[in-house]
Amino acid sequence: MADRMLAVATQVLALAALAGLASCAPVVTHPARVRPGTEFGMAGGWSLPACDSCRAGLVPPIGATMRTSWTPRGPQGPGYSVGLLIPGFIFLPGSTLDLYTQMPAPPGEPVYGGGVTVSFMDVMPYLQFGREDERGHGWYTTQGIVLAAFRPEPEVFLNGGNGIVFERVAAVYWSPTVAYHEATATLYLSGAFGSHDPGTAHEPLPRQPVIAVLFGMSVQTRNPFSFLDPARLPPRQRR
């Protein structure tokens, strides 16, 4: 049953990735405790701004992910990981690099860590705290401050990518996140609270608030082709 739910979620997120039309707001979708090895996955979500001018072009992470992690001194840490999100519309300047360090913590105990996400559009230093059980299931919270320089206008993608036009959004906002994760999936609820400058050099405008709620999920696997494995299908669907 769990495999079937994971397969359905993967297909839904794949469609969401293809539909992504704006740059991704930085949201941490990995747990606080580092998992040694390399994982591949997909992420998708939705945003609910408090008003039209409060959105600041923010969209949850939508696209393909990859993360490699290691704990050179054993499972209690410290741990290190490097992740990459490539947006569903393959807009490489919108790709986000995530560098994370986990503080040492015995298995089953609370875990602290910190990191930074970096892209051509924004930077977010963050702190993370969480706890998980022996199955790898648990929760975490992330507290970050986002410094955003600019974001692409969605009309560019709707127009087939003709004309790379950027909307200047000098934004600064607080990004709190709470999430529940299992071994292969993460559900999160995040927020964006701050202000942004919607003006241009030729048309200065007063700063506007950034108030939005973002929610979504990510799925990950050690084998990117495991969802195609016939052994995972119900017996009557195998050939």
C-alpha atoms as a PDB file:
ATOM      1  CA  MET A   1       0.000   0.000   0.000  1.00  0.00           C
ATOM      2  CA  ALA A   2       2.808   2.402   0.899  1.00  0.00           C
ATOM      3  CA  ASP A   3       4.596   1.652  -2.395  1.00  0.00           C
ATOM      4  CA  ARG A   4       1.412   2.329  -4.338  1.00  0.00           C
ATOM      5  CA  MET A   5       0.849   5.661  -2.552  1.00  0.00           C
ATOM      6  CA  LEU A   6       4.452   6.624  -3.237  1.00  0.00           C
ATOM      7  CA  ALA A   7       4.074   5.787  -6.934  1.00  0.00           C
ATOM      8  CA  VAL A   8       0.894   7.899  -7.211  1.00  0.00           C
ATOM      9  CA  ALA A   9       2.523  10.808  -5.361  1.00  0.00           C
ATOM     10  CA  THR A  10       5.506  10.592  -7.715  1.00  0.00           C
ATOM     11  CA  GLN A  11       3.268  10.867 -10.796  1.00  0.00           C
ATOM     12  CA  VAL A  12       1.404  13.845  -9.315  1.00  0.00           C
ATOM     13  CA  LEU A  13       4.632  15.651  -8.472  1.00  0.00           C
ATOM     14  CA  ALA A  14       6.006  14.949 -11.936  1.00  0.00           C
ATOM     15  CA  LEU A  15       3.004  16.717 -13.475  1.00  0.00           C
ATOM     16  CA  ALA A  16       3.383  19.583 -11.024  1.00  0.00           C
ATOM     17  CA  ALA A  17       7.029  19.913 -11.973  1.00  0.00           C
ATOM     18  CA  LEU A  18       6.154  20.304 -15.634  1.00  0.00           C
ATOM     19  CA  ALA A  19       3.597  22.949 -14.739  1.00  0.00           C
ATOM     20  CA  GLY A  20       6.004  25.123 -12.733  1.00  0.00           C
ATOM     21  CA  LEU A  21       5.882  28.677 -14.080  1.00  0.00           C
ATOM     22  CA  ALA A  22       7.762  30.785 -11.529  1.00  0.00           C
ATOM     23  CA  SER A  23      10.934  30.658  -9.494  1.00  0.00           C
ATOM     24  CA  CYS A  24      11.067  28.474  -6.404  1.00  0.00           C
ATOM     25  CA  ALA A  25      11.081  29.935  -2.927  1.00  0.00           C
ATOM     26  CA  PRO A  26      13.712  28.210  -0.787  1.00  0.00           C
ATOM     27  CA  VAL A  27      12.100  25.548   1.422  1.00  0.00           C
ATOM     28  CA  VAL A  28      14.165  22.889   3.199  1.00  0.00           C
ATOM     29  CA  THR A  29      12.700  19.445   2.473  1.00  0.00           C
ATOM     30  CA  HIS A  30      15.337  17.232   4.138  1.00  0.00           C
ATOM     31  CA  PRO A  31      15.229  16.078   7.801  1.00  0.00           C
ATOM     32  CA  ALA A  32      17.539  17.435  10.479  1.00  0.00           C
ATOM     33  CA  ARG A  33      19.431  14.123  10.770  1.00  0.00           C
ATOM     34  CA  VAL A  34      21.738  13.420   7.848  1.00  0.00           C
ATOM     35  CA  ARG A  35      21.160  10.167   5.921  1.00  0.00           C
ATOM     36  CA  PRO A  36      24.459   8.934   4.409  1.00  0.00           C
ATOM     37  CA  GLY A  37      24.327   8.195   0.699  1.00  0.00           C
ATOM     38  CA  THR A  38      22.754   9.735  -2.385  1.00  0.00           C
ATOM     39  CA  GLU A  39      19.028  10.307  -2.883  1.00  0.00           C
ATOM     40  CA  PHE A  40      17.004  11.397  -5.910  1.00  0.00           C
ATOM     41  CA  GLY A  41      13.489  12.787  -5.794  1.00  0.00           C
ATOM     42  CA  MET A  42      10.858  15.302  -6.801  1.00  0.00           C
ATOM     43  CA  ALA A  43       9.158  18.164  -5.003  1.00  0.00           C
ATOM     44  CA  GLY A  44       5.913  20.030  -5.553  1.00  0.00           C
ATOM     45  CA  GLY A  45       3.590  22.369  -3.710  1.00  0.00           C
ATOM     46  CA  TRP A  46       1.310  25.391  -3.715  1.00  0.00           C
ATOM     47  CA  SER A  47       1.309  28.917  -2.284  1.00  0.00           C
ATOM     48  CA  LEU A  48      -1.506  30.967  -0.738  1.00  0.00           C
ATOM     49  CA  PRO A  49      -0.646  34.680  -0.556  1.00  0.00           C
ATOM     50  CA  ALA A  50      -2.651  36.992   1.696  1.00  0.00           C
ATOM     51  CA  CYS A  51      -3.130  39.406  -1.243  1.00  0.00           C
ATOM     52  CA  ASP A  52      -2.038  39.835  -4.869  1.00  0.00           C
ATOM     53  CA  SER A  53       0.779  42.233  -3.967  1.00  0.00           C
ATOM     54  CA  CYS A  54       1.938  40.003  -1.077  1.00  0.00           C
ATOM     55  CA  ARG A  55       3.075  37.096  -3.262  1.00  0.00           C
ATOM     56  CA  ALA A  56       6.400  38.582  -4.475  1.00  0.00           C
ATOM     57  CA  GLY A  57       6.566  35.817  -7.102  1.00  0.00           C
ATOM     58  CA  LEU A  58       6.981  33.080  -4.503  1.00  0.00           C
ATOM     59  CA  VAL A  59       6.248  29.476  -5.465  1.00  0.00           C
ATOM     60  CA  PRO A  60       7.176  26.361  -3.428  1.00  0.00           C
ATOM     61  CA  PRO A  61       9.959  24.111  -4.739  1.00  0.00           C
ATOM     62  CA  ILE A  62       8.735  22.371  -7.898  1.00  0.00           C
ATOM     63  CA  GLY A  63      11.149  20.108  -9.710  1.00  0.00           C
ATOM     64  CA  ALA A  64      13.743  17.354  -9.442  1.00  0.00           C
ATOM     65  CA  THR A  65      16.044  16.989  -6.441  1.00  0.00           C
ATOM     66  CA  MET A  66      19.312  15.258  -5.692  1.00  0.00           C
ATOM     67  CA  ARG A  67      21.190  15.082  -2.371  1.00  0.00           C
ATOM     68  CA  THR A  68      24.397  13.402  -1.276  1.00  0.00           C
ATOM     69  CA  SER A  69      25.249  13.093   2.428  1.00  0.00           C
ATOM     70  CA  TRP A  70      27.931  11.617   4.639  1.00  0.00           C
ATOM     71  CA  THR A  71      28.752  11.121   8.338  1.00  0.00           C
ATOM     72  CA  PRO A  72      32.520  10.509   8.505  1.00  0.00           C
ATOM     73  CA  ARG A  73      32.525   9.783  12.274  1.00  0.00           C
ATOM     74  CA  GLY A  74      29.557   7.424  12.413  1.00  0.00           C
ATOM     75  CA  PRO A  75      25.753   7.679  12.604  1.00  0.00           C
ATOM     76  CA  GLN A  76      25.689  10.145  15.493  1.00  0.00           C
ATOM     77  CA  GLY A  77      27.451  12.770  13.377  1.00  0.00           C
ATOM     78  CA  PRO A  78      28.511  15.344  12.678  1.00  0.00           C
ATOM     79  CA  GLY A  79      26.889  15.018   9.275  1.00  0.00           C
ATOM     80  CA  TYR A  80      27.184  16.942   6.031  1.00  0.00           C
ATOM     81  CA  SER A  81      24.997  17.082   2.931  1.00  0.00           C
ATOM     82  CA  VAL A  82      24.803  18.884  -0.396  1.00  0.00           C
ATOM     83  CA  GLY A  83      21.487  19.108  -2.244  1.00  0.00           C
ATOM     84  CA  LEU A  84      20.346  20.482  -5.585  1.00  0.00           C
ATOM     85  CA  LEU A  85      16.857  21.418  -6.808  1.00  0.00           C
ATOM     86  CA  ILE A  86      16.333  21.834 -10.566  1.00  0.00           C
ATOM     87  CA  PRO A  87      12.986  23.551 -11.325  1.00  0.00           C
ATOM     88  CA  GLY A  88      10.448  21.665 -13.409  1.00  0.00           C
ATOM     89  CA  PHE A  89      10.728  24.169 -16.235  1.00  0.00           C
ATOM     90  CA  ILE A  90      14.535  23.547 -16.484  1.00  0.00           C
ATOM     91  CA  PHE A  91      15.325  27.214 -15.846  1.00  0.00           C
ATOM     92  CA  LEU A  92      18.896  26.724 -14.640  1.00  0.00           C
ATOM     93  CA  PRO A  93      19.351  30.156 -12.973  1.00  0.00           C
ATOM     94  CA  GLY A  94      16.427  29.125 -10.756  1.00  0.00           C
ATOM     95  CA  SER A  95      18.259  26.001  -9.528  1.00  0.00           C
ATOM     96  CA  THR A  96      18.989  25.996  -5.802  1.00  0.00           C
ATOM     97  CA  LEU A  97      22.032  24.589  -4.009  1.00  0.00           C
ATOM     98  CA  ASP A  98      21.559  23.538  -0.351  1.00  0.00           C
ATOM     99  CA  LEU A  99      24.576  23.120   1.949  1.00  0.00           C
ATOM    100  CA  TYR A 100      23.834  21.615   5.385  1.00  0.00           C
ATOM    101  CA  THR A 101      25.752  20.580   8.512  1.00  0.00           C
ATOM    102  CA  GLN A 102      24.274  18.446  11.315  1.00  0.00           C
ATOM    103  CA  MET A 103      25.594  18.744  14.853  1.00  0.00           C
ATOM    104  CA  PRO A 104      26.552  15.454  16.608  1.00  0.00           C
ATOM    105  CA  ALA A 105      23.575  13.682  18.238  1.00  0.00           C
ATOM    106  CA  PRO A 106      23.031  10.043  19.310  1.00  0.00           C
ATOM    107  CA  PRO A 107      20.370   8.108  17.341  1.00  0.00           C
ATOM    108  CA  GLY A 108      16.867   8.800  18.639  1.00  0.00           C
ATOM    109  CA  GLU A 109      17.847  12.095  20.264  1.00  0.00           C
ATOM    110  CA  PRO A 110      16.916  15.644  19.092  1.00  0.00           C
ATOM    111  CA  VAL A 111      19.095  16.930  16.266  1.00  0.00           C
ATOM    112  CA  TYR A 112      20.329  20.451  15.540  1.00  0.00           C
ATOM    113  CA  GLY A 113      21.884  21.734  12.362  1.00  0.00           C
ATOM    114  CA  GLY A 114      22.293  24.700  10.068  1.00  0.00           C
ATOM    115  CA  GLY A 115      22.884  25.512   6.456  1.00  0.00           C
ATOM    116  CA  VAL A 116      22.349  27.866   3.564  1.00  0.00           C
ATOM    117  CA  THR A 117      20.451  27.692   0.267  1.00  0.00           C
ATOM    118  CA  VAL A 118      21.953  29.586  -2.664  1.00  0.00           C
ATOM    119  CA  SER A 119      20.633  30.407  -6.129  1.00  0.00           C
ATOM    120  CA  PHE A 120      21.011  33.247  -8.613  1.00  0.00           C
ATOM    121  CA  MET A 121      17.783  34.687  -7.202  1.00  0.00           C
ATOM    122  CA  ASP A 122      18.073  34.381  -3.453  1.00  0.00           C
ATOM    123  CA  VAL A 123      20.098  33.278  -0.441  1.00  0.00           C
ATOM    124  CA  MET A 124      18.670  31.762   2.759  1.00  0.00           C
ATOM    125  CA  PRO A 125      20.770  30.971   5.832  1.00  0.00           C
ATOM    126  CA  TYR A 126      18.779  28.676   8.147  1.00  0.00           C
ATOM    127  CA  LEU A 127      18.797  26.730  11.412  1.00  0.00           C
ATOM    128  CA  GLN A 128      17.095  23.353  11.760  1.00  0.00           C
ATOM    129  CA  PHE A 129      15.866  21.243  14.676  1.00  0.00           C
ATOM    130  CA  GLY A 130      14.121  17.868  14.593  1.00  0.00           C
ATOM    131  CA  ARG A 131      13.734  14.377  15.932  1.00  0.00           C
ATOM    132  CA  GLU A 132      13.044  10.973  14.359  1.00  0.00           C
ATOM    133  CA  ASP A 133      12.489   7.398  15.530  1.00  0.00           C
ATOM    134  CA  GLU A 134      14.363   4.218  14.642  1.00  0.00           C
ATOM    135  CA  ARG A 135      12.319   3.867  11.423  1.00  0.00           C
ATOM    136  CA  GLY A 136      13.482   7.256  10.153  1.00  0.00           C
ATOM    137  CA  HIS A 137      10.064   8.858  10.740  1.00  0.00           C
ATOM    138  CA  GLY A 138       9.811  12.170  12.550  1.00  0.00           C
ATOM    139  CA  TRP A 139       9.402  15.920  12.350  1.00  0.00           C
ATOM    140  CA  TYR A 140      11.558  19.018  12.020  1.00  0.00           C
ATOM    141  CA  THR A 141      11.340  22.783  11.950  1.00  0.00           C
ATOM    142  CA  THR A 142      13.470  25.187   9.943  1.00  0.00           C
ATOM    143  CA  GLN A 143      13.913  28.911  10.585  1.00  0.00           C
ATOM    144  CA  GLY A 144      15.444  30.929   7.752  1.00  0.00           C
ATOM    145  CA  ILE A 145      15.900  34.500   6.542  1.00  0.00           C
ATOM    146  CA  VAL A 146      15.547  34.943   2.773  1.00  0.00           C
ATOM    147  CA  LEU A 147      17.359  37.697   0.872  1.00  0.00           C
ATOM    148  CA  ALA A 148      15.909  37.752  -2.642  1.00  0.00           C
ATOM    149  CA  ALA A 149      17.331  39.838  -5.479  1.00  0.00           C
ATOM    150  CA  PHE A 150      15.003  39.252  -8.440  1.00  0.00           C
ATOM    151  CA  ARG A 151      12.573  36.759  -9.918  1.00  0.00           C
ATOM    152  CA  PRO A 152      11.518  35.945 -13.498  1.00  0.00           C
ATOM    153  CA  GLU A 153       8.124  37.060 -14.696  1.00  0.00           C
ATOM    154  CA  PRO A 154       5.820  34.034 -15.197  1.00  0.00           C
ATOM    155  CA  GLU A 155       4.731  35.482 -18.564  1.00  0.00           C
ATOM    156  CA  VAL A 156       8.184  34.651 -19.921  1.00  0.00           C
ATOM    157  CA  PHE A 157       7.541  30.933 -19.537  1.00  0.00           C
ATOM    158  CA  LEU A 158       3.976  31.199 -20.800  1.00  0.00           C
ATOM    159  CA  ASN A 159       5.435  32.870 -23.884  1.00  0.00           C
ATOM    160  CA  GLY A 160       7.663  29.930 -24.642  1.00  0.00           C
ATOM    161  CA  GLY A 161      10.714  31.447 -22.954  1.00  0.00           C
ATOM    162  CA  ASN A 162      10.985  34.275 -25.473  1.00  0.00           C
ATOM    163  CA  GLY A 163      12.671  37.249 -23.872  1.00  0.00           C
ATOM    164  CA  ILE A 164      14.308  36.690 -20.512  1.00  0.00           C
ATOM    165  CA  VAL A 165      12.659  39.472 -18.529  1.00  0.00           C
ATOM    166  CA  PHE A 166      13.249  39.861 -14.801  1.00  0.00           C
ATOM    167  CA  GLU A 167      10.959  41.451 -12.287  1.00  0.00           C
ATOM    168  CA  ARG A 168      13.023  43.302  -9.700  1.00  0.00           C
ATOM    169  CA  VAL A 169      11.930  42.133  -6.258  1.00  0.00           C
ATOM    170  CA  ALA A 170      14.390  43.120  -3.565  1.00  0.00           C
ATOM    171  CA  ALA A 171      12.742  41.062  -0.817  1.00  0.00           C
ATOM    172  CA  VAL A 172      13.665  40.237   2.751  1.00  0.00           C
ATOM    173  CA  TYR A 173      11.455  37.832   4.674  1.00  0.00           C
ATOM    174  CA  TRP A 174      11.334  35.279   7.494  1.00  0.00           C
ATOM    175  CA  SER A 175      10.728  31.712   6.327  1.00  0.00           C
ATOM    176  CA  PRO A 176       9.570  29.326   9.100  1.00  0.00           C
ATOM    177  CA  THR A 177       8.817  25.691   8.186  1.00  0.00           C
ATOM    178  CA  VAL A 178       7.378  22.705  10.030  1.00  0.00           C
ATOM    179  CA  ALA A 179       7.407  19.258   8.427  1.00  0.00           C
ATOM    180  CA  TYR A 180       6.719  15.573   8.992  1.00  0.00           C
ATOM    181  CA  HIS A 181       8.886  13.055   7.170  1.00  0.00           C
ATOM    182  CA  GLU A 182       9.118   9.331   6.599  1.00  0.00           C
ATOM    183  CA  ALA A 183      11.859   7.353   4.900  1.00  0.00           C
ATOM    184  CA  THR A 184      10.699   8.260   1.382  1.00  0.00           C
ATOM    185  CA  ALA A 185       8.418  11.302   1.711  1.00  0.00           C
ATOM    186  CA  THR A 186       8.170  14.696   3.423  1.00  0.00           C
ATOM    187  CA  LEU A 187       5.089  16.874   4.009  1.00  0.00           C
ATOM    188  CA  TYR A 188       5.729  20.519   4.926  1.00  0.00           C
ATOM    189  CA  LEU A 189       3.994  23.782   5.797  1.00  0.00           C
ATOM    190  CA  SER A 190       6.020  26.959   5.357  1.00  0.00           C
ATOM    191  CA  GLY A 191       5.500  30.701   5.557  1.00  0.00           C
ATOM    192  CA  ALA A 192       6.922  33.923   4.149  1.00  0.00           C
ATOM    193  CA  PHE A 193       6.635  37.114   6.208  1.00  0.00           C
ATOM    194  CA  GLY A 194       8.511  40.297   5.326  1.00  0.00           C
ATOM    195  CA  SER A 195       8.553  42.971   2.629  1.00  0.00           C
ATOM    196  CA  HIS A 196       9.637  43.493  -0.960  1.00  0.00           C
ATOM    197  CA  ASP A 197      10.287  46.345  -3.378  1.00  0.00           C
ATOM    198  CA  PRO A 198       8.148  45.909  -6.514  1.00  0.00           C
ATOM    199  CA  GLY A 199       9.505  49.031  -8.217  1.00  0.00           C
ATOM    200  CA  THR A 200      12.106  49.458 -10.944  1.00  0.00           C
ATOM    201  CA  ALA A 201      14.892  51.947 -11.573  1.00  0.00           C
ATOM    202  CA  HIS A 202      12.498  53.869 -13.835  1.00  0.00           C
ATOM    203  CA  GLU A 203       9.406  53.477 -11.675  1.00  0.00           C
ATOM    204  CA  PRO A 204      10.128  53.471  -7.932  1.00  0.00           C
ATOM    205  CA  LEU A 205       7.292  52.176  -5.754  1.00  0.00           C
ATOM    206  CA  PRO A 206       6.779  51.904  -1.996  1.00  0.00           C
ATOM    207  CA  ARG A 207       7.709  48.595  -0.369  1.00  0.00           C
ATOM    208  CA  GLN A 208       4.932  46.011  -0.160  1.00  0.00           C
ATOM    209  CA  PRO A 209       4.412  43.271   2.443  1.00  0.00           C
ATOM    210  CA  VAL A 210       5.300  39.632   1.800  1.00  0.00           C
ATOM    211  CA  ILE A 211       2.678  37.420   3.469  1.00  0.00           C
ATOM    212  CA  ALA A 212       2.174  33.925   2.127  1.00  0.00           C
ATOM    213  CA  VAL A 213       1.699  30.331   3.220  1.00  0.00           C
ATOM    214  CA  LEU A 214       3.370  27.556   1.227  1.00  0.00           C
ATOM    215  CA  PHE A 215       2.668  23.840   1.529  1.00  0.00           C
ATOM    216  CA  GLY A 216       3.766  20.781  -0.366  1.00  0.00           C
ATOM    217  CA  MET A 217       5.621  17.495  -0.335  1.00  0.00           C
ATOM    218  CA  SER A 218       8.706  15.784  -1.658  1.00  0.00           C
ATOM    219  CA  VAL A 219       9.466  12.148  -2.388  1.00  0.00           C
ATOM    220  CA  GLN A 220      12.916  10.615  -2.574  1.00  0.00           C
ATOM    221  CA  THR A 221      14.577   7.289  -3.323  1.00  0.00           C
ATOM    222  CA  ARG A 222      18.081   5.830  -3.372  1.00  0.00           C
ATOM    223  CA  ASN A 223      17.329   4.296  -6.796  1.00  0.00           C
ATOM    224  CA  PRO A 224      15.805   6.782  -9.288  1.00  0.00           C
ATOM    225  CA  PHE A 225      14.495   3.876 -11.384  1.00  0.00           C
ATOM    226  CA  SER A 226      12.916   1.943  -8.511  1.00  0.00           C
ATOM    227  CA  PHE A 227       9.418   3.165  -9.435  1.00  0.00           C
ATOM    228  CA  LEU A 228       9.779   1.304 -12.753  1.00  0.00           C
ATOM    229  CA  ASP A 229      10.765  -1.982 -11.107  1.00  0.00           C
ATOM    230  CA  PRO A 230       8.156  -4.647 -12.081  1.00  0.00           C
ATOM    231  CA  ALA A 231       8.604  -6.253  -8.650  1.00  0.00           C
ATOM    232  CA  ARG A 232       6.929  -3.199  -7.080  1.00  0.00           C
ATOM    233  CA  LEU A 233       3.742  -3.676  -9.118  1.00  0.00           C
ATOM    234  CA  PRO A 234       0.769  -5.738  -7.908  1.00  0.00           C
ATOM    235  CA  PRO A 235       0.997  -9.346  -9.251  1.00  0.00           C
ATOM    236  CA  ARG A 236      -1.819  -8.902 -11.798  1.00  0.00           C
ATOM    237  CA  GLN A 237      -0.004  -5.913 -13.376  1.00  0.00           C
ATOM    238  CA  ARG A 238       3.270  -7.760 -13.872  1.00  0.00           C
ATOM    239  CA  ARG A 239       4.123  -9.299 -17.208  1.00  0.00           C
END
